[in-house]
Amino acid sequence: MNENTLLKISLLSSLIGILLILFISESIEPPAYKIKDITNKDIDKLVTISGELSILKETEGLYLLKLFDGESTIVVIAFKNEQIILNNNERVKIKGKIVEYNGEFELQAEQIIKTND
């Protein structure tokens, strides 16, 4: 094979590999957690928590929410970067990152999905 053909094959293989990695990473679901099971080891981890929410405060740029999973509660920070209308006592599944603020765990929401559980 000549050099030009090898270059085209390697570029095509690289592109297919990158697209495959992107597709797989989008379809992987973060692990489901119970709020009571969150520890310091979970800080900065991407998790999914389901429960009932109540709105503590709404500002121009974000929601401060409280999520109750049937046993424990956690504060959720949700930035208003997409159109979603949230109501008190709504069942939701939240994907986000565990962070610590003032000695307490919080969930920085990346995605909020309303459920009918």
N, C-alpha and C. Protein backbone atom coordinates (compact mmCIF):
# COMPACT_ATOMS: atom_id res chain seq x y z
N MET A 1 0.84 -1.19 0.00
CA MET A 1 0.00 0.00 0.00
C MET A 1 0.88 1.25 0.00
N ASN A 2 0.38 2.24 -0.62
CA ASN A 2 1.16 3.47 -0.62
C ASN A 2 0.82 4.31 0.61
N GLU A 3 1.61 5.30 0.84
CA GLU A 3 1.50 6.14 2.04
C GLU A 3 0.16 6.88 2.11
N ASN A 4 -0.35 7.32 0.99
CA ASN A 4 -1.61 8.06 0.95
C ASN A 4 -2.78 7.18 1.38
N THR A 5 -2.81 5.93 0.95
CA THR A 5 -3.87 5.00 1.32
C THR A 5 -3.81 4.69 2.81
N LEU A 6 -2.63 4.48 3.36
CA LEU A 6 -2.48 4.22 4.79
C LEU A 6 -2.94 5.41 5.62
N LEU A 7 -2.66 6.60 5.16
CA LEU A 7 -3.10 7.81 5.86
C LEU A 7 -4.62 7.88 5.89
N LYS A 8 -5.27 7.61 4.77
CA LYS A 8 -6.74 7.64 4.72
C LYS A 8 -7.34 6.58 5.63
N ILE A 9 -6.78 5.38 5.64
CA ILE A 9 -7.29 4.30 6.50
C ILE A 9 -7.12 4.66 7.97
N SER A 10 -5.97 5.21 8.34
CA SER A 10 -5.76 5.56 9.74
C SER A 10 -6.67 6.71 10.19
N LEU A 11 -6.89 7.69 9.34
CA LEU A 11 -7.81 8.79 9.69
C LEU A 11 -9.24 8.29 9.83
N LEU A 12 -9.66 7.42 8.93
CA LEU A 12 -11.01 6.86 9.00
C LEU A 12 -11.19 6.01 10.25
N SER A 13 -10.19 5.20 10.58
CA SER A 13 -10.25 4.37 11.79
C SER A 13 -10.32 5.23 13.04
N SER A 14 -9.53 6.29 13.07
CA SER A 14 -9.55 7.20 14.23
C SER A 14 -10.91 7.86 14.38
N LEU A 15 -11.47 8.33 13.29
CA LEU A 15 -12.77 8.98 13.32
C LEU A 15 -13.86 8.02 13.80
N ILE A 16 -13.85 6.81 13.29
CA ILE A 16 -14.84 5.80 13.72
C ILE A 16 -14.67 5.50 15.20
N GLY A 17 -13.44 5.40 15.68
CA GLY A 17 -13.18 5.14 17.10
C GLY A 17 -13.69 6.26 17.99
N ILE A 18 -13.45 7.49 17.61
CA ILE A 18 -13.91 8.63 18.39
C ILE A 18 -15.43 8.68 18.44
N LEU A 19 -16.08 8.46 17.31
CA LEU A 19 -17.55 8.46 17.28
C LEU A 19 -18.12 7.33 18.12
N LEU A 20 -17.48 6.17 18.09
CA LEU A 20 -17.93 5.04 18.91
C LEU A 20 -17.81 5.36 20.39
N ILE A 21 -16.72 5.97 20.79
CA ILE A 21 -16.53 6.35 22.19
C ILE A 21 -17.59 7.37 22.61
N LEU A 22 -17.87 8.35 21.79
CA LEU A 22 -18.90 9.34 22.10
C LEU A 22 -20.27 8.69 22.24
N PHE A 23 -20.61 7.78 21.35
CA PHE A 23 -21.89 7.10 21.40
C PHE A 23 -22.02 6.26 22.66
N ILE A 24 -21.00 5.53 23.01
CA ILE A 24 -21.04 4.68 24.20
C ILE A 24 -21.13 5.53 25.46
N SER A 25 -20.36 6.62 25.53
CA SER A 25 -20.38 7.45 26.73
C SER A 25 -21.73 8.12 26.95
N GLU A 26 -22.46 8.43 25.89
CA GLU A 26 -23.79 9.03 26.02
C GLU A 26 -24.82 8.03 26.52
N SER A 27 -24.61 6.76 26.24
CA SER A 27 -25.61 5.76 26.61
C SER A 27 -25.36 5.13 27.98
N ILE A 28 -24.24 5.44 28.62
CA ILE A 28 -23.94 4.89 29.93
C ILE A 28 -24.68 5.71 30.99
N GLU A 29 -25.44 5.04 31.81
CA GLU A 29 -26.23 5.67 32.86
C GLU A 29 -25.41 5.73 34.16
N PRO A 30 -25.35 6.90 34.82
CA PRO A 30 -24.66 6.96 36.11
C PRO A 30 -25.37 6.07 37.13
N PRO A 31 -24.64 5.56 38.12
CA PRO A 31 -25.26 4.65 39.10
C PRO A 31 -26.35 5.34 39.92
N ALA A 32 -27.39 4.57 40.26
CA ALA A 32 -28.47 5.08 41.11
C ALA A 32 -28.01 5.03 42.57
N TYR A 33 -28.27 6.10 43.29
CA TYR A 33 -27.86 6.21 44.69
C TYR A 33 -29.06 6.49 45.58
N LYS A 34 -28.99 6.04 46.81
CA LYS A 34 -29.86 6.50 47.88
C LYS A 34 -29.10 7.63 48.58
N ILE A 35 -29.79 8.66 48.98
CA ILE A 35 -29.14 9.82 49.59
C ILE A 35 -28.37 9.42 50.84
N LYS A 36 -28.92 8.53 51.64
CA LYS A 36 -28.27 8.13 52.89
C LYS A 36 -26.95 7.40 52.66
N ASP A 37 -26.73 6.86 51.45
CA ASP A 37 -25.52 6.10 51.16
C ASP A 37 -24.38 6.97 50.62
N ILE A 38 -24.60 8.27 50.46
CA ILE A 38 -23.56 9.15 49.93
C ILE A 38 -22.50 9.40 51.01
N THR A 39 -21.22 9.24 50.61
CA THR A 39 -20.10 9.47 51.51
C THR A 39 -19.11 10.43 50.86
N ASN A 40 -18.06 10.76 51.59
CA ASN A 40 -17.02 11.65 51.05
C ASN A 40 -16.36 11.05 49.81
N LYS A 41 -16.36 9.74 49.68
CA LYS A 41 -15.77 9.09 48.50
C LYS A 41 -16.56 9.41 47.23
N ASP A 42 -17.80 9.84 47.40
CA ASP A 42 -18.68 10.09 46.25
C ASP A 42 -18.60 11.53 45.73
N ILE A 43 -17.84 12.38 46.40
CA ILE A 43 -17.72 13.77 45.94
C ILE A 43 -17.13 13.79 44.54
N ASP A 44 -17.73 14.58 43.68
CA ASP A 44 -17.36 14.74 42.26
C ASP A 44 -17.78 13.55 41.39
N LYS A 45 -18.53 12.61 41.93
CA LYS A 45 -19.04 11.50 41.12
C LYS A 45 -20.36 11.89 40.48
N LEU A 46 -20.59 11.36 39.30
CA LEU A 46 -21.86 11.54 38.60
C LEU A 46 -22.80 10.44 39.06
N VAL A 47 -23.98 10.81 39.57
CA VAL A 47 -24.94 9.85 40.11
C VAL A 47 -26.35 10.17 39.63
N THR A 48 -27.25 9.23 39.87
CA THR A 48 -28.67 9.43 39.61
C THR A 48 -29.41 9.21 40.92
N ILE A 49 -30.27 10.15 41.28
CA ILE A 49 -31.08 10.03 42.50
C ILE A 49 -32.53 10.33 42.12
N SER A 50 -33.44 9.45 42.54
CA SER A 50 -34.87 9.64 42.28
C SER A 50 -35.57 10.03 43.58
N GLY A 51 -36.61 10.84 43.45
CA GLY A 51 -37.36 11.22 44.63
C GLY A 51 -38.37 12.30 44.34
N GLU A 52 -38.86 12.89 45.43
CA GLU A 52 -39.86 13.95 45.36
C GLU A 52 -39.20 15.26 45.70
N LEU A 53 -39.48 16.29 44.92
CA LEU A 53 -38.79 17.54 45.19
C LEU A 53 -39.70 18.61 45.72
N SER A 54 -39.06 19.52 46.43
CA SER A 54 -39.73 20.74 46.86
C SER A 54 -38.80 21.89 46.51
N ILE A 55 -39.38 22.99 46.10
CA ILE A 55 -38.60 24.14 45.67
C ILE A 55 -38.34 25.03 46.87
N LEU A 56 -37.07 25.19 47.19
CA LEU A 56 -36.70 26.07 48.30
C LEU A 56 -36.67 27.51 47.84
N LYS A 57 -36.03 27.73 46.68
CA LYS A 57 -35.86 29.09 46.20
C LYS A 57 -35.65 29.05 44.70
N GLU A 58 -36.18 30.06 44.02
CA GLU A 58 -35.97 30.20 42.59
C GLU A 58 -35.41 31.58 42.33
N THR A 59 -34.27 31.63 41.65
CA THR A 59 -33.69 32.91 41.26
C THR A 59 -33.72 33.00 39.75
N GLU A 60 -33.18 34.08 39.24
CA GLU A 60 -33.19 34.27 37.79
C GLU A 60 -32.36 33.21 37.07
N GLY A 61 -31.31 32.74 37.71
CA GLY A 61 -30.41 31.80 37.03
C GLY A 61 -30.45 30.37 37.51
N LEU A 62 -31.09 30.09 38.66
CA LEU A 62 -31.07 28.71 39.14
C LEU A 62 -32.22 28.42 40.10
N TYR A 63 -32.42 27.12 40.30
CA TYR A 63 -33.36 26.62 41.31
C TYR A 63 -32.54 26.06 42.46
N LEU A 64 -32.97 26.31 43.68
CA LEU A 64 -32.47 25.60 44.85
C LEU A 64 -33.60 24.68 45.28
N LEU A 65 -33.35 23.38 45.18
CA LEU A 65 -34.38 22.38 45.42
C LEU A 65 -33.99 21.49 46.59
N LYS A 66 -34.97 20.81 47.14
CA LYS A 66 -34.72 19.78 48.12
C LYS A 66 -35.34 18.51 47.57
N LEU A 67 -34.55 17.42 47.53
CA LEU A 67 -35.00 16.14 47.01
C LEU A 67 -35.11 15.14 48.14
N PHE A 68 -36.26 14.49 48.25
CA PHE A 68 -36.52 13.48 49.29
C PHE A 68 -36.71 12.14 48.60
N ASP A 69 -35.87 11.16 48.95
CA ASP A 69 -35.93 9.85 48.29
C ASP A 69 -36.70 8.80 49.09
N GLY A 70 -37.45 9.25 50.09
CA GLY A 70 -38.22 8.33 50.92
C GLY A 70 -37.57 8.08 52.26
N GLU A 71 -36.27 8.41 52.37
CA GLU A 71 -35.54 8.20 53.62
C GLU A 71 -34.76 9.44 54.05
N SER A 72 -34.16 10.12 53.08
CA SER A 72 -33.29 11.26 53.38
C SER A 72 -33.53 12.37 52.37
N THR A 73 -32.96 13.54 52.68
CA THR A 73 -33.08 14.68 51.75
C THR A 73 -31.69 15.19 51.38
N ILE A 74 -31.62 15.85 50.22
CA ILE A 74 -30.40 16.49 49.77
C ILE A 74 -30.80 17.76 49.02
N VAL A 75 -29.97 18.79 49.15
CA VAL A 75 -30.19 20.03 48.41
C VAL A 75 -29.68 19.83 46.99
N VAL A 76 -30.46 20.30 46.03
CA VAL A 76 -30.11 20.19 44.61
C VAL A 76 -30.00 21.59 44.03
N ILE A 77 -28.90 21.84 43.35
CA ILE A 77 -28.72 23.10 42.63
C ILE A 77 -28.93 22.81 41.16
N ALA A 78 -29.93 23.46 40.55
CA ALA A 78 -30.25 23.24 39.14
C ALA A 78 -30.19 24.57 38.42
N PHE A 79 -29.24 24.69 37.50
CA PHE A 79 -29.12 25.90 36.71
C PHE A 79 -30.20 25.91 35.64
N LYS A 80 -30.75 27.08 35.36
CA LYS A 80 -31.83 27.21 34.38
C LYS A 80 -31.25 27.34 32.98
N ASN A 81 -30.70 26.25 32.46
CA ASN A 81 -30.14 26.30 31.13
C ASN A 81 -31.05 25.64 30.11
N GLU A 82 -32.14 25.07 30.55
CA GLU A 82 -33.12 24.51 29.63
C GLU A 82 -34.52 24.78 30.18
N GLN A 83 -35.50 24.72 29.33
CA GLN A 83 -36.86 25.01 29.75
C GLN A 83 -37.47 23.79 30.44
N ILE A 84 -37.63 23.87 31.73
CA ILE A 84 -38.33 22.83 32.49
C ILE A 84 -39.09 23.55 33.60
N ILE A 85 -40.32 23.18 33.76
CA ILE A 85 -41.15 23.78 34.81
C ILE A 85 -41.21 22.79 35.95
N LEU A 86 -40.75 23.22 37.12
CA LEU A 86 -40.71 22.35 38.29
C LEU A 86 -41.77 22.79 39.29
N ASN A 87 -42.41 21.80 39.90
CA ASN A 87 -43.45 22.04 40.89
C ASN A 87 -43.14 21.27 42.16
N ASN A 88 -43.64 21.78 43.28
CA ASN A 88 -43.50 21.07 44.55
C ASN A 88 -44.15 19.70 44.47
N ASN A 89 -43.59 18.74 45.20
CA ASN A 89 -44.10 17.38 45.33
C ASN A 89 -44.10 16.60 44.02
N GLU A 90 -43.29 17.01 43.07
CA GLU A 90 -43.19 16.30 41.80
C GLU A 90 -42.15 15.19 41.92
N ARG A 91 -42.42 14.03 41.31
CA ARG A 91 -41.47 12.92 41.28
C ARG A 91 -40.51 13.14 40.13
N VAL A 92 -39.20 13.06 40.43
CA VAL A 92 -38.18 13.31 39.42
C VAL A 92 -37.03 12.33 39.57
N LYS A 93 -36.27 12.21 38.50
CA LYS A 93 -34.99 11.51 38.52
C LYS A 93 -33.95 12.55 38.11
N ILE A 94 -32.95 12.74 38.97
CA ILE A 94 -31.95 13.77 38.73
C ILE A 94 -30.58 13.13 38.54
N LYS A 95 -29.95 13.48 37.43
CA LYS A 95 -28.56 13.07 37.19
C LYS A 95 -27.71 14.28 37.50
N GLY A 96 -26.67 14.07 38.30
CA GLY A 96 -25.82 15.20 38.65
C GLY A 96 -24.58 14.77 39.39
N LYS A 97 -23.82 15.77 39.80
CA LYS A 97 -22.55 15.54 40.48
C LYS A 97 -22.68 15.88 41.96
N ILE A 98 -22.16 14.99 42.81
CA ILE A 98 -22.16 15.21 44.25
C ILE A 98 -21.06 16.22 44.58
N VAL A 99 -21.42 17.25 45.33
CA VAL A 99 -20.45 18.24 45.80
C VAL A 99 -20.67 18.46 47.29
N GLU A 100 -19.69 19.06 47.93
CA GLU A 100 -19.82 19.39 49.35
C GLU A 100 -19.81 20.90 49.49
N TYR A 101 -20.77 21.42 50.26
CA TYR A 101 -20.87 22.86 50.50
C TYR A 101 -21.20 23.08 51.96
N ASN A 102 -20.37 23.82 52.66
CA ASN A 102 -20.54 24.09 54.10
C ASN A 102 -20.73 22.80 54.90
N GLY A 103 -19.96 21.77 54.55
CA GLY A 103 -20.00 20.53 55.31
C GLY A 103 -21.17 19.61 54.98
N GLU A 104 -22.00 19.97 54.02
CA GLU A 104 -23.16 19.17 53.63
C GLU A 104 -23.02 18.75 52.17
N PHE A 105 -23.58 17.59 51.85
CA PHE A 105 -23.58 17.13 50.47
C PHE A 105 -24.69 17.83 49.69
N GLU A 106 -24.40 18.18 48.46
CA GLU A 106 -25.39 18.75 47.55
C GLU A 106 -25.25 18.05 46.21
N LEU A 107 -26.29 18.14 45.41
CA LEU A 107 -26.28 17.55 44.08
C LEU A 107 -26.39 18.67 43.06
N GLN A 108 -25.38 18.81 42.19
CA GLN A 108 -25.44 19.78 41.11
C GLN A 108 -26.08 19.08 39.92
N ALA A 109 -27.32 19.45 39.63
CA ALA A 109 -28.09 18.76 38.60
C ALA A 109 -27.55 19.05 37.21
N GLU A 110 -27.42 18.00 36.43
CA GLU A 110 -27.09 18.14 35.01
C GLU A 110 -28.30 17.84 34.15
N GLN A 111 -29.20 16.98 34.69
CA GLN A 111 -30.42 16.64 33.95
C GLN A 111 -31.51 16.29 34.96
N ILE A 112 -32.70 16.84 34.74
CA ILE A 112 -33.85 16.54 35.59
C ILE A 112 -34.93 15.94 34.68
N ILE A 113 -35.38 14.75 35.04
CA ILE A 113 -36.42 14.07 34.27
C ILE A 113 -37.61 13.85 35.17
N LYS A 114 -38.79 14.33 34.74
CA LYS A 114 -40.01 14.11 35.51
C LYS A 114 -40.44 12.65 35.33
N THR A 115 -40.84 12.01 36.44
CA THR A 115 -41.29 10.62 36.40
C THR A 115 -42.71 10.52 36.95
N ASN A 116 -43.32 9.38 36.73
CA ASN A 116 -44.69 9.16 37.21
C ASN A 116 -44.74 8.08 38.28
N ASP A 117 -43.61 7.83 38.96
CA ASP A 117 -43.56 6.74 39.96
C ASP A 117 -44.54 7.00 41.07
